[in-house]
Amino acid sequence: MEKPPGLLSYSLLLKNRVYEVTLNCAQLAWKKLQSKKKRVSRSIHNSCKVGGFCVPVSEILAVRETEADGRTKHNGRWQKIPQSATEVYPYAFTVSYVERVKRHRWRCKDVTFQCADGTVRQQWVQTIRDQLSALTGRPKHLLVYINPYGGQNRGKQIYEEKVAPLFSRASVSTYVIVTEHANHARDHLKTDADLKKYDGVVCVGGDGMFSEIIHGLISRTQRDSGVDQNRKEEELVPCAIRIGIIPAGSTDCICYATVGINDPVTSALHIIVGDSQPLDVCSVHHNSTFLRYSVSLLGYGFYGDVLTDSERKRWMGPVRYDFSGLKMFLTHNYYEGTVSFLSATDVLATPRDRTTCRAGCSTCQHSGALGSEDGQDYGTGDISSSEHSGNWRMIRGKFLAINAASMSCACPRSPKGLSPAAHLADGTTDLILVRKCSRVNFLRHLLRHTSKDDQFDLSFVEVHRVRKFRFTPRRRDSDGDLWAAPRGGGASEGAVRPDLPGPPSLRQRPRLQQLELRRRDPPPRLHRSGSALPADSAVCQRDRGGVHFQGHRLTLSQC
């Protein structure tokens, strides 16, 4: 591999030692020059290179001129630099860059170099700034929405104390809106926001806040492009603006499943350096009416009941999930009906192969290339006509939960998620069916989410990787007793409820579009964070009284 041409190379002072510092278009590197003398002198003789550090230019946040005050902090203790060294190197500049620490966590770190000439300092500062300006994908102007009521009501504090200083240091300008009511951000994006002024949109909050941003941006883009969202056969137009997520909610499932950690500083740094990650998105229709989009879990039964009940108890804070979960567990509702689905036969992975979707995932890249080469759109065409192709399967029974996971759905309480091997951008969803069983067995299933055991190694649980699916519950007629009506049932982030008019049925068809979440970490670490929007969306539509799920590929990027 050809070595990038060098731009600058000087001997500079760092922490009372002289280093050889070099800069090229790929990285900034410094190596210690060790002399026979312990202290720095005006001339360096018999020096040799020992050790070294390097930072990719793509992970440098900013550079600024600073004053050499004759002090340096080393190993947590302030030390006096010899006067002779300070006199020789009176000019200083500081480089801020990304430091990776354990468990996907990122931090901002500063390194200050001192040089002997003011012209040299100016040359370093200007050259580094030129390299940063040449980087594409980094945001300069952001529209920020803060949910002050999410999680523990700390959204505004998290942004002001942890995120805003980093944006300011990286010279990212922001326009901040603190939301005042539910769907404030969604409605503002739909109508009032001048999106041409911004490189991206950042939401400070939880999964609900992210959902508002998704709905506002996708709906605005489709309206401006003349696309009718109520028509299930329409192909969505990708959004040209990115979305970033700063976690400040109760669970922050989307951020955790894509970044690997719920940490505001890590997410902010991903946004600044311009990382991105594709995501599959789902949209739900009822008859000829669009309902909503979903990017994580589409749940019917237990999980839908839990979220529906917990929404009535938001005043309880995060503990509402524990309360509603226990309540629904004791209630032990089940739903009888028919599940039909179209298996994904052209993908490289299965829901039980124990692979993890990471940056540069070969499965997602294969699916994207397959769709591009074939010009395939998994959302076009009529589902009913596809059923006669012979690839559809049908399962009848009584179910405690019917879930469609478009990502692992990992969170701090469930580090592996509901479907650990689910992929972020392969155009499929993992359909998880939990049949009726005893409370003890259902508890075993729930406990699997908190352990490393196989989630699906239970006789009453099955999982299928599908392109489309439909669930039709049995329903009681007014005077007959042949149909058993489901007793409640909602859905998680993509809400699907059985109390919709008409005989309910759920259909899924991931017709790829792709959201892009900004993330970056070297393998094998999964680096993810903020998000942006040109994305894949799955559309759940209702045909002849039924709800259909269908996928598109959008792009969610971390601005």
Protein backbone atom coordinates (compact mmCIF):
# COMPACT_ATOMS: atom_id res chain seq x y z
CA MET A 1 0.00 0.00 0.00
CA GLU A 2 1.42 3.37 -1.02
CA LYS A 3 2.27 5.68 1.84
CA PRO A 4 0.40 9.03 1.77
CA PRO A 5 2.64 11.99 0.93
CA GLY A 6 3.80 14.00 3.92
CA LEU A 7 2.53 17.54 4.41
CA LEU A 8 4.48 18.67 7.49
CA SER A 9 7.24 17.25 9.67
CA TYR A 10 8.81 19.11 12.61
CA SER A 11 10.37 18.52 16.02
CA LEU A 12 7.89 19.91 18.55
CA LEU A 13 7.69 19.98 22.32
CA LEU A 14 5.08 17.86 24.09
CA LYS A 15 4.93 17.26 27.86
CA ASN A 16 8.50 18.41 28.40
CA ARG A 17 9.79 16.07 25.70
CA VAL A 18 10.66 16.62 22.07
CA TYR A 19 8.66 14.64 19.53
CA GLU A 20 8.94 14.25 15.80
CA VAL A 21 5.47 15.29 14.61
CA THR A 22 4.33 14.50 11.07
CA LEU A 23 1.12 15.22 9.21
CA ASN A 24 -0.12 13.75 5.95
CA CYS A 25 -3.54 13.55 4.34
CA ALA A 26 -4.37 10.38 6.33
CA GLN A 27 -3.06 10.91 9.85
CA LEU A 28 -1.30 13.05 12.42
CA ALA A 29 1.54 11.14 14.13
CA TRP A 30 4.13 11.92 16.77
CA LYS A 31 7.12 9.92 18.01
CA LYS A 32 9.25 10.65 21.00
CA LEU A 33 12.87 11.64 20.43
CA GLN A 34 14.87 10.43 23.39
CA SER A 35 18.21 12.09 24.06
CA LYS A 36 20.94 11.26 26.54
CA LYS A 37 19.95 14.26 28.61
CA LYS A 38 16.87 13.99 30.83
CA ARG A 39 15.72 17.52 30.13
CA VAL A 40 15.16 19.39 26.91
CA SER A 41 18.04 21.55 25.73
CA ARG A 42 18.46 23.91 22.82
CA SER A 43 20.08 21.28 20.70
CA ILE A 44 19.27 17.58 20.50
CA HIS A 45 22.03 15.11 19.83
CA ASN A 46 22.19 11.34 19.54
CA SER A 47 18.42 11.07 19.54
CA CYS A 48 16.46 7.96 18.59
CA LYS A 49 12.78 7.32 17.94
CA VAL A 50 10.97 5.40 20.67
CA GLY A 51 7.22 4.68 20.76
CA GLY A 52 4.68 6.71 18.87
CA PHE A 53 1.09 7.85 18.55
CA CYS A 54 -1.13 8.56 15.57
CA VAL A 55 -4.62 9.92 15.00
CA PRO A 56 -6.55 9.61 11.72
CA VAL A 57 -7.27 13.01 10.20
CA SER A 58 -10.92 11.95 9.94
CA GLU A 59 -11.06 11.79 13.75
CA ILE A 60 -9.50 15.18 14.45
CA LEU A 61 -12.22 17.48 15.77
CA ALA A 62 -10.51 20.86 15.77
CA VAL A 63 -7.20 22.73 16.13
CA ARG A 64 -6.59 26.07 17.81
CA GLU A 65 -3.73 28.31 18.83
CA THR A 66 -2.94 28.31 22.54
CA GLU A 67 -0.48 29.99 24.86
CA ALA A 68 2.60 28.23 26.23
CA ASP A 69 2.38 29.03 29.95
CA GLY A 70 5.40 27.03 31.05
CA ARG A 71 3.29 24.31 32.69
CA THR A 72 2.14 20.90 31.58
CA LYS A 73 -0.03 18.26 33.19
CA HIS A 74 1.55 14.82 33.17
CA ASN A 75 0.15 11.73 34.89
CA GLY A 76 -2.39 13.84 36.72
CA ARG A 77 0.24 16.16 38.27
CA TRP A 78 1.28 19.63 37.17
CA GLN A 79 4.99 19.92 36.38
CA LYS A 80 7.11 22.96 35.65
CA ILE A 81 8.77 23.01 32.23
CA PRO A 82 12.38 24.15 32.41
CA GLN A 83 12.71 27.81 31.54
CA SER A 84 15.13 27.03 28.74
CA ALA A 85 12.57 24.77 27.04
CA THR A 86 9.82 27.36 27.36
CA GLU A 87 12.05 29.96 25.82
CA VAL A 88 12.97 27.69 22.93
CA TYR A 89 9.35 26.66 22.26
CA PRO A 90 7.20 29.72 23.15
CA TYR A 91 4.38 29.08 20.64
CA ALA A 92 1.72 26.39 21.10
CA PHE A 93 -1.28 24.89 19.37
CA THR A 94 -3.80 22.30 20.60
CA VAL A 95 -5.35 19.48 18.57
CA SER A 96 -8.66 17.96 19.76
CA TYR A 97 -9.32 14.42 18.58
CA VAL A 98 -11.42 11.32 19.26
CA GLU A 99 -10.09 8.85 21.81
CA ARG A 100 -11.67 5.38 21.86
CA VAL A 101 -12.06 3.89 25.30
CA LYS A 102 -13.59 0.61 26.38
CA ARG A 103 -17.04 -0.66 25.37
CA HIS A 104 -17.64 1.57 22.35
CA ARG A 105 -17.26 4.74 24.40
CA TRP A 106 -15.63 7.77 22.75
CA ARG A 107 -14.08 10.78 24.42
CA CYS A 108 -12.59 14.09 23.28
CA LYS A 109 -8.90 14.39 24.06
CA ASP A 110 -6.52 17.33 23.63
CA VAL A 111 -2.82 17.27 22.79
CA THR A 112 -0.80 20.50 22.89
CA PHE A 113 2.39 20.93 20.88
CA GLN A 114 4.88 23.76 21.34
CA CYS A 115 7.10 25.08 18.59
CA ALA A 116 9.95 27.54 18.28
CA ASP A 117 8.48 29.86 15.67
CA GLY A 118 5.14 31.61 15.31
CA THR A 119 5.16 31.06 11.57
CA VAL A 120 5.56 27.33 12.11
CA ARG A 121 2.59 27.31 14.49
CA GLN A 122 0.43 29.15 11.99
CA GLN A 123 1.50 26.73 9.28
CA TRP A 124 0.45 23.72 11.39
CA VAL A 125 -2.87 25.23 12.39
CA GLN A 126 -3.78 26.28 8.86
CA THR A 127 -2.71 22.98 7.27
CA ILE A 128 -4.75 20.91 9.74
CA ARG A 129 -7.77 23.15 9.18
CA ASP A 130 -7.39 22.74 5.43
CA GLN A 131 -7.38 18.96 5.85
CA LEU A 132 -10.52 19.10 8.00
CA SER A 133 -12.26 21.34 5.47
CA ALA A 134 -11.55 18.79 2.76
CA LEU A 135 -13.44 16.09 4.65
CA THR A 136 -16.90 15.47 3.21
CA GLY A 137 -19.93 14.49 5.26
CA ARG A 138 -19.17 16.62 8.30
CA PRO A 139 -22.03 18.91 9.36
CA LYS A 140 -21.57 22.65 9.71
CA HIS A 141 -25.12 23.73 10.57
CA LEU A 142 -27.52 21.63 12.65
CA LEU A 143 -31.14 21.93 13.68
CA VAL A 144 -31.47 20.56 17.23
CA TYR A 145 -34.70 19.44 18.93
CA ILE A 146 -34.58 18.84 22.69
CA ASN A 147 -37.25 16.89 24.55
CA PRO A 148 -37.07 18.33 28.10
CA TYR A 149 -39.49 15.73 29.51
CA GLY A 150 -37.97 12.46 28.25
CA GLY A 151 -36.25 9.98 30.55
CA GLN A 152 -35.52 11.74 33.83
CA ASN A 153 -36.26 15.22 32.45
CA ARG A 154 -32.55 15.85 31.84
CA GLY A 155 -32.54 16.36 28.07
CA LYS A 156 -31.79 20.08 28.16
CA GLN A 157 -29.12 19.67 30.83
CA ILE A 158 -27.42 16.85 28.92
CA TYR A 159 -27.27 18.94 25.77
CA GLU A 160 -26.01 22.13 27.41
CA GLU A 161 -23.38 20.47 29.59
CA LYS A 162 -22.09 17.61 27.42
CA VAL A 163 -23.00 18.18 23.77
CA ALA A 164 -23.08 21.92 23.08
CA PRO A 165 -19.43 22.48 24.14
CA LEU A 166 -18.28 19.78 21.70
CA PHE A 167 -20.30 21.28 18.83
CA SER A 168 -18.84 24.70 19.63
CA ARG A 169 -15.28 23.36 19.72
CA ALA A 170 -15.76 21.69 16.33
CA SER A 171 -17.21 24.94 14.88
CA VAL A 172 -20.64 23.40 14.30
CA SER A 173 -23.36 26.04 14.48
CA THR A 174 -26.75 25.03 15.90
CA TYR A 175 -30.29 26.29 16.08
CA VAL A 176 -31.96 24.79 19.16
CA ILE A 177 -35.68 24.21 19.67
CA VAL A 178 -36.95 22.90 23.03
CA THR A 179 -40.18 21.03 22.33
CA GLU A 180 -43.26 22.07 24.29
CA HIS A 181 -45.68 19.24 23.59
CA ALA A 182 -45.98 15.83 21.94
CA ASN A 183 -45.30 15.85 18.17
CA HIS A 184 -43.95 19.41 18.32
CA ALA A 185 -40.81 18.40 16.41
CA ARG A 186 -42.77 16.31 13.90
CA ASP A 187 -45.18 19.12 13.08
CA HIS A 188 -42.42 21.73 12.86
CA LEU A 189 -40.43 19.59 10.43
CA LYS A 190 -43.50 18.92 8.32
CA THR A 191 -44.40 22.55 7.80
CA ASP A 192 -42.19 25.31 9.24
CA ALA A 193 -38.57 24.16 9.19
CA ASP A 194 -36.35 25.61 6.47
CA LEU A 195 -34.33 22.46 5.86
CA LYS A 196 -32.14 24.04 3.18
CA LYS A 197 -30.30 25.95 5.90
CA TYR A 198 -29.09 22.82 7.70
CA ASP A 199 -26.82 19.86 7.08
CA GLY A 200 -28.70 17.68 9.53
CA VAL A 201 -31.27 17.37 12.28
CA VAL A 202 -30.34 16.25 15.81
CA CYS A 203 -32.82 14.98 18.38
CA VAL A 204 -31.99 15.00 22.09
CA GLY A 205 -34.31 12.50 23.71
CA GLY A 206 -35.39 8.88 23.51
CA ASP A 207 -36.89 6.56 20.93
CA GLY A 208 -40.15 8.53 20.89
CA MET A 209 -38.33 11.74 19.99
CA PHE A 210 -36.44 9.95 17.24
CA SER A 211 -39.75 8.63 15.92
CA GLU A 212 -41.09 12.20 15.73
CA ILE A 213 -38.08 13.28 13.66
CA ILE A 214 -38.41 10.30 11.33
CA HIS A 215 -42.11 10.95 10.74
CA GLY A 216 -41.60 14.66 10.19
CA LEU A 217 -38.71 14.34 7.73
CA ILE A 218 -40.02 11.39 5.72
CA SER A 219 -43.51 12.91 5.46
CA ARG A 220 -42.06 16.29 4.42
CA THR A 221 -39.88 14.67 1.75
CA GLN A 222 -42.74 12.62 0.31
CA ARG A 223 -45.05 15.64 0.21
CA ASP A 224 -42.45 17.80 -1.52
CA SER A 225 -41.80 14.99 -4.02
CA GLY A 226 -45.47 14.41 -4.77
CA VAL A 227 -45.54 10.93 -3.21
CA ASP A 228 -48.80 9.84 -1.60
CA GLN A 229 -47.89 8.00 1.62
CA ASN A 230 -51.36 6.48 1.78
CA ARG A 231 -50.70 4.45 -1.35
CA LYS A 232 -48.88 1.31 -0.32
CA GLU A 233 -47.48 0.70 -3.81
CA GLU A 234 -45.67 4.08 -3.84
CA GLU A 235 -41.89 3.99 -3.49
CA LEU A 236 -40.58 6.41 -0.90
CA VAL A 237 -38.14 9.14 -1.89
CA PRO A 238 -35.00 9.20 0.31
CA CYS A 239 -34.48 12.32 2.40
CA ALA A 240 -31.48 14.47 1.63
CA ILE A 241 -30.84 15.52 5.22
CA ARG A 242 -29.34 13.48 8.03
CA ILE A 243 -30.57 12.79 11.55
CA GLY A 244 -28.45 12.57 14.70
CA ILE A 245 -29.44 11.00 18.02
CA ILE A 246 -28.27 12.20 21.42
CA PRO A 247 -29.60 9.63 23.94
CA ALA A 248 -31.61 11.23 26.76
CA GLY A 249 -34.62 8.94 27.08
CA SER A 250 -35.75 6.01 29.19
CA THR A 251 -34.37 3.10 27.15
CA ASP A 252 -32.75 4.62 24.02
CA CYS A 253 -33.07 1.29 22.23
CA ILE A 254 -32.25 2.63 18.75
CA CYS A 255 -29.06 4.37 19.89
CA TYR A 256 -27.91 1.38 21.96
CA ALA A 257 -28.61 -1.15 19.22
CA THR A 258 -26.64 0.85 16.66
CA VAL A 259 -23.87 2.46 18.73
CA GLY A 260 -23.44 -0.19 21.42
CA ILE A 261 -23.76 2.32 24.25
CA ASN A 262 -26.09 5.08 25.42
CA ASP A 263 -23.62 7.90 25.95
CA PRO A 264 -24.33 11.50 24.86
CA VAL A 265 -20.65 12.39 24.38
CA THR A 266 -20.02 9.35 22.18
CA SER A 267 -23.05 10.16 20.04
CA ALA A 268 -22.04 13.81 19.72
CA LEU A 269 -18.53 12.84 18.56
CA HIS A 270 -19.96 10.46 15.95
CA ILE A 271 -22.12 13.29 14.68
CA ILE A 272 -19.20 15.71 14.49
CA VAL A 273 -16.93 13.38 12.49
CA GLY A 274 -19.78 12.51 10.10
CA ASP A 275 -20.24 8.78 10.72
CA SER A 276 -23.22 7.05 9.12
CA GLN A 277 -24.93 3.66 9.22
CA PRO A 278 -27.75 2.30 7.03
CA LEU A 279 -30.98 1.20 8.74
CA ASP A 280 -34.15 -0.48 7.55
CA VAL A 281 -37.37 1.39 8.31
CA CYS A 282 -40.96 0.15 8.36
CA SER A 283 -44.17 1.91 7.52
CA VAL A 284 -47.64 0.76 8.51
CA HIS A 285 -50.85 1.19 6.56
CA HIS A 286 -54.48 0.42 7.35
CA ASN A 287 -56.56 -0.04 4.24
CA SER A 288 -55.62 3.04 2.19
CA THR A 289 -54.49 5.10 5.16
CA PHE A 290 -50.90 5.52 6.32
CA LEU A 291 -50.45 4.90 10.05
CA ARG A 292 -46.79 5.31 11.01
CA TYR A 293 -43.14 4.36 10.52
CA SER A 294 -41.01 2.08 12.67
CA VAL A 295 -37.29 1.29 12.72
CA SER A 296 -36.89 -1.10 15.64
CA LEU A 297 -39.68 -3.36 16.91
CA LEU A 298 -43.15 -3.90 15.52
CA GLY A 299 -45.00 -5.78 18.26
CA TYR A 300 -48.44 -7.31 18.53
CA GLY A 301 -49.48 -8.88 21.82
CA PHE A 302 -47.34 -8.76 24.97
CA TYR A 303 -44.85 -6.03 23.99
CA GLY A 304 -47.54 -3.94 22.37
CA ASP A 305 -49.67 -4.26 25.50
CA VAL A 306 -46.73 -3.23 27.69
CA LEU A 307 -45.98 -0.09 25.68
CA THR A 308 -49.63 0.84 25.29
CA ASP A 309 -50.16 0.57 29.05
CA SER A 310 -46.88 2.33 29.89
CA GLU A 311 -47.82 5.34 27.75
CA ARG A 312 -50.68 6.02 30.19
CA LYS A 313 -48.17 6.09 33.05
CA ARG A 314 -45.44 8.37 31.74
CA TRP A 315 -45.62 10.26 35.03
CA MET A 316 -43.89 7.25 36.62
CA GLY A 317 -40.73 7.72 34.56
CA PRO A 318 -38.64 4.73 33.41
CA VAL A 319 -40.10 2.52 36.17
CA ARG A 320 -43.37 2.47 34.23
CA TYR A 321 -41.96 -0.24 31.97
CA ASP A 322 -41.37 -2.54 34.96
CA PHE A 323 -44.85 -1.88 36.30
CA SER A 324 -46.62 -2.39 32.96
CA GLY A 325 -44.48 -5.44 32.18
CA LEU A 326 -45.44 -7.12 35.45
CA LYS A 327 -49.09 -6.22 34.92
CA MET A 328 -49.20 -7.67 31.41
CA PHE A 329 -47.25 -10.77 32.52
CA LEU A 330 -49.85 -11.51 35.19
CA THR A 331 -52.70 -10.78 32.78
CA HIS A 332 -51.21 -13.35 30.37
CA ASN A 333 -53.30 -12.40 27.34
CA TYR A 334 -53.05 -14.53 24.23
CA TYR A 335 -54.21 -13.89 20.67
CA GLU A 336 -55.54 -16.52 18.32
CA GLY A 337 -55.17 -16.06 14.61
CA THR A 338 -53.20 -16.77 11.45
CA VAL A 339 -49.71 -15.62 10.59
CA SER A 340 -48.63 -15.73 6.95
CA PHE A 341 -45.20 -14.63 5.78
CA LEU A 342 -42.82 -14.60 2.83
CA SER A 343 -39.41 -15.94 3.86
CA ALA A 344 -36.23 -14.15 2.81
CA THR A 345 -34.41 -16.83 0.82
CA ASP A 346 -31.75 -14.67 -0.83
CA VAL A 347 -29.91 -13.46 2.29
CA LEU A 348 -26.58 -14.72 3.61
CA ALA A 349 -27.54 -15.03 7.29
CA THR A 350 -30.26 -16.55 9.46
CA PRO A 351 -31.79 -15.35 12.74
CA ARG A 352 -29.93 -18.06 14.70
CA ASP A 353 -26.45 -17.96 13.17
CA ARG A 354 -25.02 -15.89 16.05
CA THR A 355 -23.49 -13.30 13.73
CA THR A 356 -23.58 -9.67 14.79
CA CYS A 357 -24.28 -6.80 12.43
CA ARG A 358 -21.31 -4.44 12.54
CA ALA A 359 -19.93 -1.57 10.50
CA GLY A 360 -19.21 -2.82 6.99
CA CYS A 361 -21.47 -5.85 7.50
CA SER A 362 -21.12 -8.19 4.51
CA THR A 363 -24.74 -9.37 4.81
CA CYS A 364 -26.12 -5.83 4.56
CA GLN A 365 -23.73 -4.97 1.72
CA HIS A 366 -24.79 -8.12 -0.15
CA SER A 367 -28.46 -7.23 0.22
CA GLY A 368 -27.85 -3.66 -0.94
CA ALA A 369 -25.88 -4.82 -3.97
CA LEU A 370 -28.50 -7.45 -4.76
CA GLY A 371 -31.28 -4.88 -4.77
CA SER A 372 -29.25 -2.48 -6.93
CA GLU A 373 -28.26 -5.07 -9.51
CA ASP A 374 -31.68 -6.62 -9.82
CA GLY A 375 -33.54 -3.35 -9.56
CA GLN A 376 -35.71 -5.17 -7.07
CA ASP A 377 -38.24 -3.34 -4.94
CA TYR A 378 -39.63 -5.55 -2.24
CA GLY A 379 -42.50 -3.23 -1.65
CA THR A 380 -43.99 -3.03 -5.10
CA GLY A 381 -46.77 -5.18 -6.34
CA ASP A 382 -49.79 -6.55 -4.54
CA ILE A 383 -49.28 -8.87 -1.61
CA SER A 384 -52.28 -10.97 -2.50
CA SER A 385 -50.83 -11.77 -5.91
CA SER A 386 -47.51 -12.70 -4.34
CA GLU A 387 -49.20 -15.24 -2.10
CA HIS A 388 -49.85 -17.46 -5.09
CA SER A 389 -46.12 -17.72 -5.88
CA GLY A 390 -45.80 -20.66 -3.50
CA ASN A 391 -43.23 -19.00 -1.21
CA TRP A 392 -45.73 -17.91 1.44
CA ARG A 393 -46.11 -19.92 4.62
CA MET A 394 -49.10 -19.91 6.94
CA ILE A 395 -49.22 -20.69 10.67
CA ARG A 396 -52.40 -20.86 12.74
CA GLY A 397 -52.47 -20.91 16.52
CA LYS A 398 -52.65 -19.01 19.80
CA PHE A 399 -49.85 -16.52 20.41
CA LEU A 400 -48.67 -14.53 23.42
CA ALA A 401 -46.56 -12.26 21.23
CA ILE A 402 -45.94 -11.62 17.54
CA ASN A 403 -42.91 -9.40 17.01
CA ALA A 404 -41.02 -8.12 14.00
CA ALA A 405 -37.49 -6.97 14.86
CA SER A 406 -35.76 -4.86 12.21
CA MET A 407 -32.69 -4.58 14.44
CA SER A 408 -31.44 -6.44 17.49
CA CYS A 409 -33.47 -4.11 19.77
CA ALA A 410 -30.64 -4.27 22.30
CA CYS A 411 -30.75 -1.95 25.30
CA PRO A 412 -29.07 -1.82 28.73
CA ARG A 413 -31.69 -4.18 30.16
CA SER A 414 -31.33 -6.58 27.25
CA PRO A 415 -27.72 -6.34 26.01
CA LYS A 416 -28.29 -8.90 23.23
CA GLY A 417 -31.77 -7.70 22.32
CA LEU A 418 -34.87 -9.55 21.16
CA SER A 419 -33.14 -10.83 18.03
CA PRO A 420 -29.35 -10.68 18.47
CA ALA A 421 -28.56 -11.64 14.86
CA ALA A 422 -30.96 -9.16 13.22
CA HIS A 423 -29.29 -6.94 10.61
CA LEU A 424 -29.63 -3.20 10.33
CA ALA A 425 -29.87 -2.84 6.56
CA ASP A 426 -30.51 -6.16 4.84
CA GLY A 427 -34.11 -5.42 3.86
CA THR A 428 -35.60 -8.10 6.11
CA THR A 429 -37.17 -8.38 9.53
CA ASP A 430 -37.02 -11.21 12.05
CA LEU A 431 -40.53 -12.46 12.75
CA ILE A 432 -40.65 -13.89 16.29
CA LEU A 433 -43.69 -15.98 17.25
CA VAL A 434 -44.26 -16.87 20.90
CA ARG A 435 -47.02 -19.45 21.16
CA LYS A 436 -49.36 -19.76 24.12
CA CYS A 437 -47.59 -21.35 27.08
CA SER A 438 -47.59 -21.29 30.88
CA ARG A 439 -46.48 -18.23 32.80
CA VAL A 440 -43.41 -20.11 33.97
CA ASN A 441 -42.33 -20.90 30.41
CA PHE A 442 -43.06 -17.36 29.26
CA LEU A 443 -40.91 -16.08 32.10
CA ARG A 444 -38.11 -18.35 30.87
CA HIS A 445 -38.45 -16.72 27.45
CA LEU A 446 -38.31 -13.20 28.91
CA LEU A 447 -35.27 -14.02 31.03
CA ARG A 448 -33.42 -15.17 27.91
CA HIS A 449 -33.35 -11.53 26.80
CA THR A 450 -31.08 -10.68 29.73
CA SER A 451 -28.62 -13.54 29.21
CA LYS A 452 -26.33 -14.92 26.51
CA ASP A 453 -28.43 -18.06 26.00
CA ASP A 454 -30.10 -18.78 22.66
CA GLN A 455 -33.22 -16.61 22.58
CA PHE A 456 -35.11 -19.08 20.42
CA ASP A 457 -34.09 -22.43 21.89
CA LEU A 458 -37.54 -23.02 23.35
CA SER A 459 -40.24 -25.28 21.97
CA PHE A 460 -42.92 -22.56 22.01
CA VAL A 461 -40.76 -19.90 20.28
CA GLU A 462 -39.93 -19.75 16.58
CA VAL A 463 -38.25 -17.15 14.43
CA HIS A 464 -38.26 -16.54 10.67
CA ARG A 465 -36.35 -14.00 8.57
CA VAL A 466 -39.01 -12.57 6.27
CA ARG A 467 -39.63 -10.02 3.56
CA LYS A 468 -43.34 -9.69 4.28
CA PHE A 469 -45.80 -10.93 6.86
CA ARG A 470 -49.43 -10.66 7.83
CA PHE A 471 -51.26 -11.53 11.03
CA THR A 472 -55.04 -11.94 11.07
CA PRO A 473 -56.54 -12.49 14.54
CA ARG A 474 -59.81 -14.34 14.96
CA ARG A 475 -62.71 -12.06 15.72
CA ARG A 476 -66.05 -12.62 17.43
CA ASP A 477 -69.15 -11.88 15.40
CA SER A 478 -72.01 -10.06 17.14
CA ASP A 479 -74.27 -13.10 17.40
CA GLY A 480 -71.86 -15.97 16.80
CA ASP A 481 -69.19 -17.69 18.82
CA LEU A 482 -66.92 -18.95 16.08
CA TRP A 483 -64.49 -16.04 16.28
CA ALA A 484 -62.42 -15.29 19.36
CA ALA A 485 -61.75 -11.58 19.75
CA PRO A 486 -58.28 -10.57 20.95
CA ARG A 487 -58.37 -8.92 24.35
CA GLY A 488 -56.38 -5.79 23.64
CA GLY A 489 -52.98 -5.71 22.03
CA GLY A 490 -50.87 -2.91 20.80
CA ALA A 491 -47.50 -2.63 19.23
CA SER A 492 -44.23 -1.26 20.22
CA GLU A 493 -42.51 1.56 18.39
CA GLY A 494 -44.51 0.77 15.24
CA ALA A 495 -47.99 0.60 16.75
CA VAL A 496 -50.37 -2.03 15.40
CA ARG A 497 -53.55 -2.48 17.37
CA PRO A 498 -56.48 -4.88 16.95
CA ASP A 499 -59.11 -2.23 17.68
CA LEU A 500 -58.80 -0.74 14.18
CA PRO A 501 -62.01 -0.86 12.13
CA GLY A 502 -62.47 -3.91 9.96
CA PRO A 503 -61.15 -7.44 10.43
CA PRO A 504 -57.56 -6.80 11.49
CA SER A 505 -54.63 -8.41 9.78
CA LEU A 506 -50.96 -7.57 9.74
CA ARG A 507 -48.81 -7.80 6.63
CA GLN A 508 -45.15 -7.11 6.33
CA ARG A 509 -43.25 -6.42 3.11
CA PRO A 510 -39.86 -4.87 3.51
CA ARG A 511 -39.50 -2.89 0.32
CA LEU A 512 -36.04 -1.54 0.89
CA GLN A 513 -35.11 1.96 1.51
CA GLN A 514 -32.37 2.75 3.88
CA LEU A 515 -31.74 5.00 6.85
CA GLU A 516 -28.16 5.79 7.61
CA LEU A 517 -26.86 6.04 11.15
CA ARG A 518 -23.50 7.68 11.60
CA ARG A 519 -21.07 5.44 13.31
CA ARG A 520 -17.54 4.31 13.01
CA ASP A 521 -15.22 2.11 15.03
CA PRO A 522 -12.62 -0.36 13.85
CA PRO A 523 -13.76 -3.99 13.66
CA PRO A 524 -14.71 -5.93 15.61
CA ARG A 525 -16.28 -3.08 17.53
CA LEU A 526 -19.73 -1.97 16.46
CA HIS A 527 -19.63 1.78 16.13
CA ARG A 528 -22.88 3.59 15.76
CA SER A 529 -24.43 6.74 16.91
CA GLY A 530 -26.48 9.66 15.66
CA SER A 531 -28.51 9.15 12.59
CA ALA A 532 -29.45 10.69 9.29
CA LEU A 533 -32.07 10.27 6.77
CA PRO A 534 -32.02 8.86 3.40
CA ALA A 535 -33.24 5.39 4.58
CA ASP A 536 -34.91 2.08 3.87
CA SER A 537 -38.41 1.90 5.07
CA ALA A 538 -40.62 -1.10 5.57
CA VAL A 539 -44.27 -0.49 4.92
CA CYS A 540 -46.93 -2.19 6.96
CA GLN A 541 -50.14 -1.92 5.03
CA ARG A 542 -53.68 -3.03 5.48
CA ASP A 543 -55.33 -4.60 2.47
CA ARG A 544 -59.00 -5.66 2.41
CA GLY A 545 -59.20 -4.66 6.06
CA GLY A 546 -55.74 -5.97 6.93
CA VAL A 547 -52.50 -4.28 7.90
CA HIS A 548 -49.48 -4.85 5.66
CA PHE A 549 -45.86 -4.47 6.56
CA GLN A 550 -43.52 -3.51 3.76
CA GLY A 551 -39.90 -2.41 3.67
CA HIS A 552 -38.01 0.36 1.94
CA ARG A 553 -34.39 1.32 2.10
CA LEU A 554 -33.75 4.73 3.58
CA THR A 555 -30.56 6.17 5.03
CA LEU A 556 -30.20 7.14 8.62
CA SER A 557 -26.94 8.95 9.26
CA GLN A 558 -25.34 10.46 12.21
CA CYS A 559 -24.78 14.03 11.24
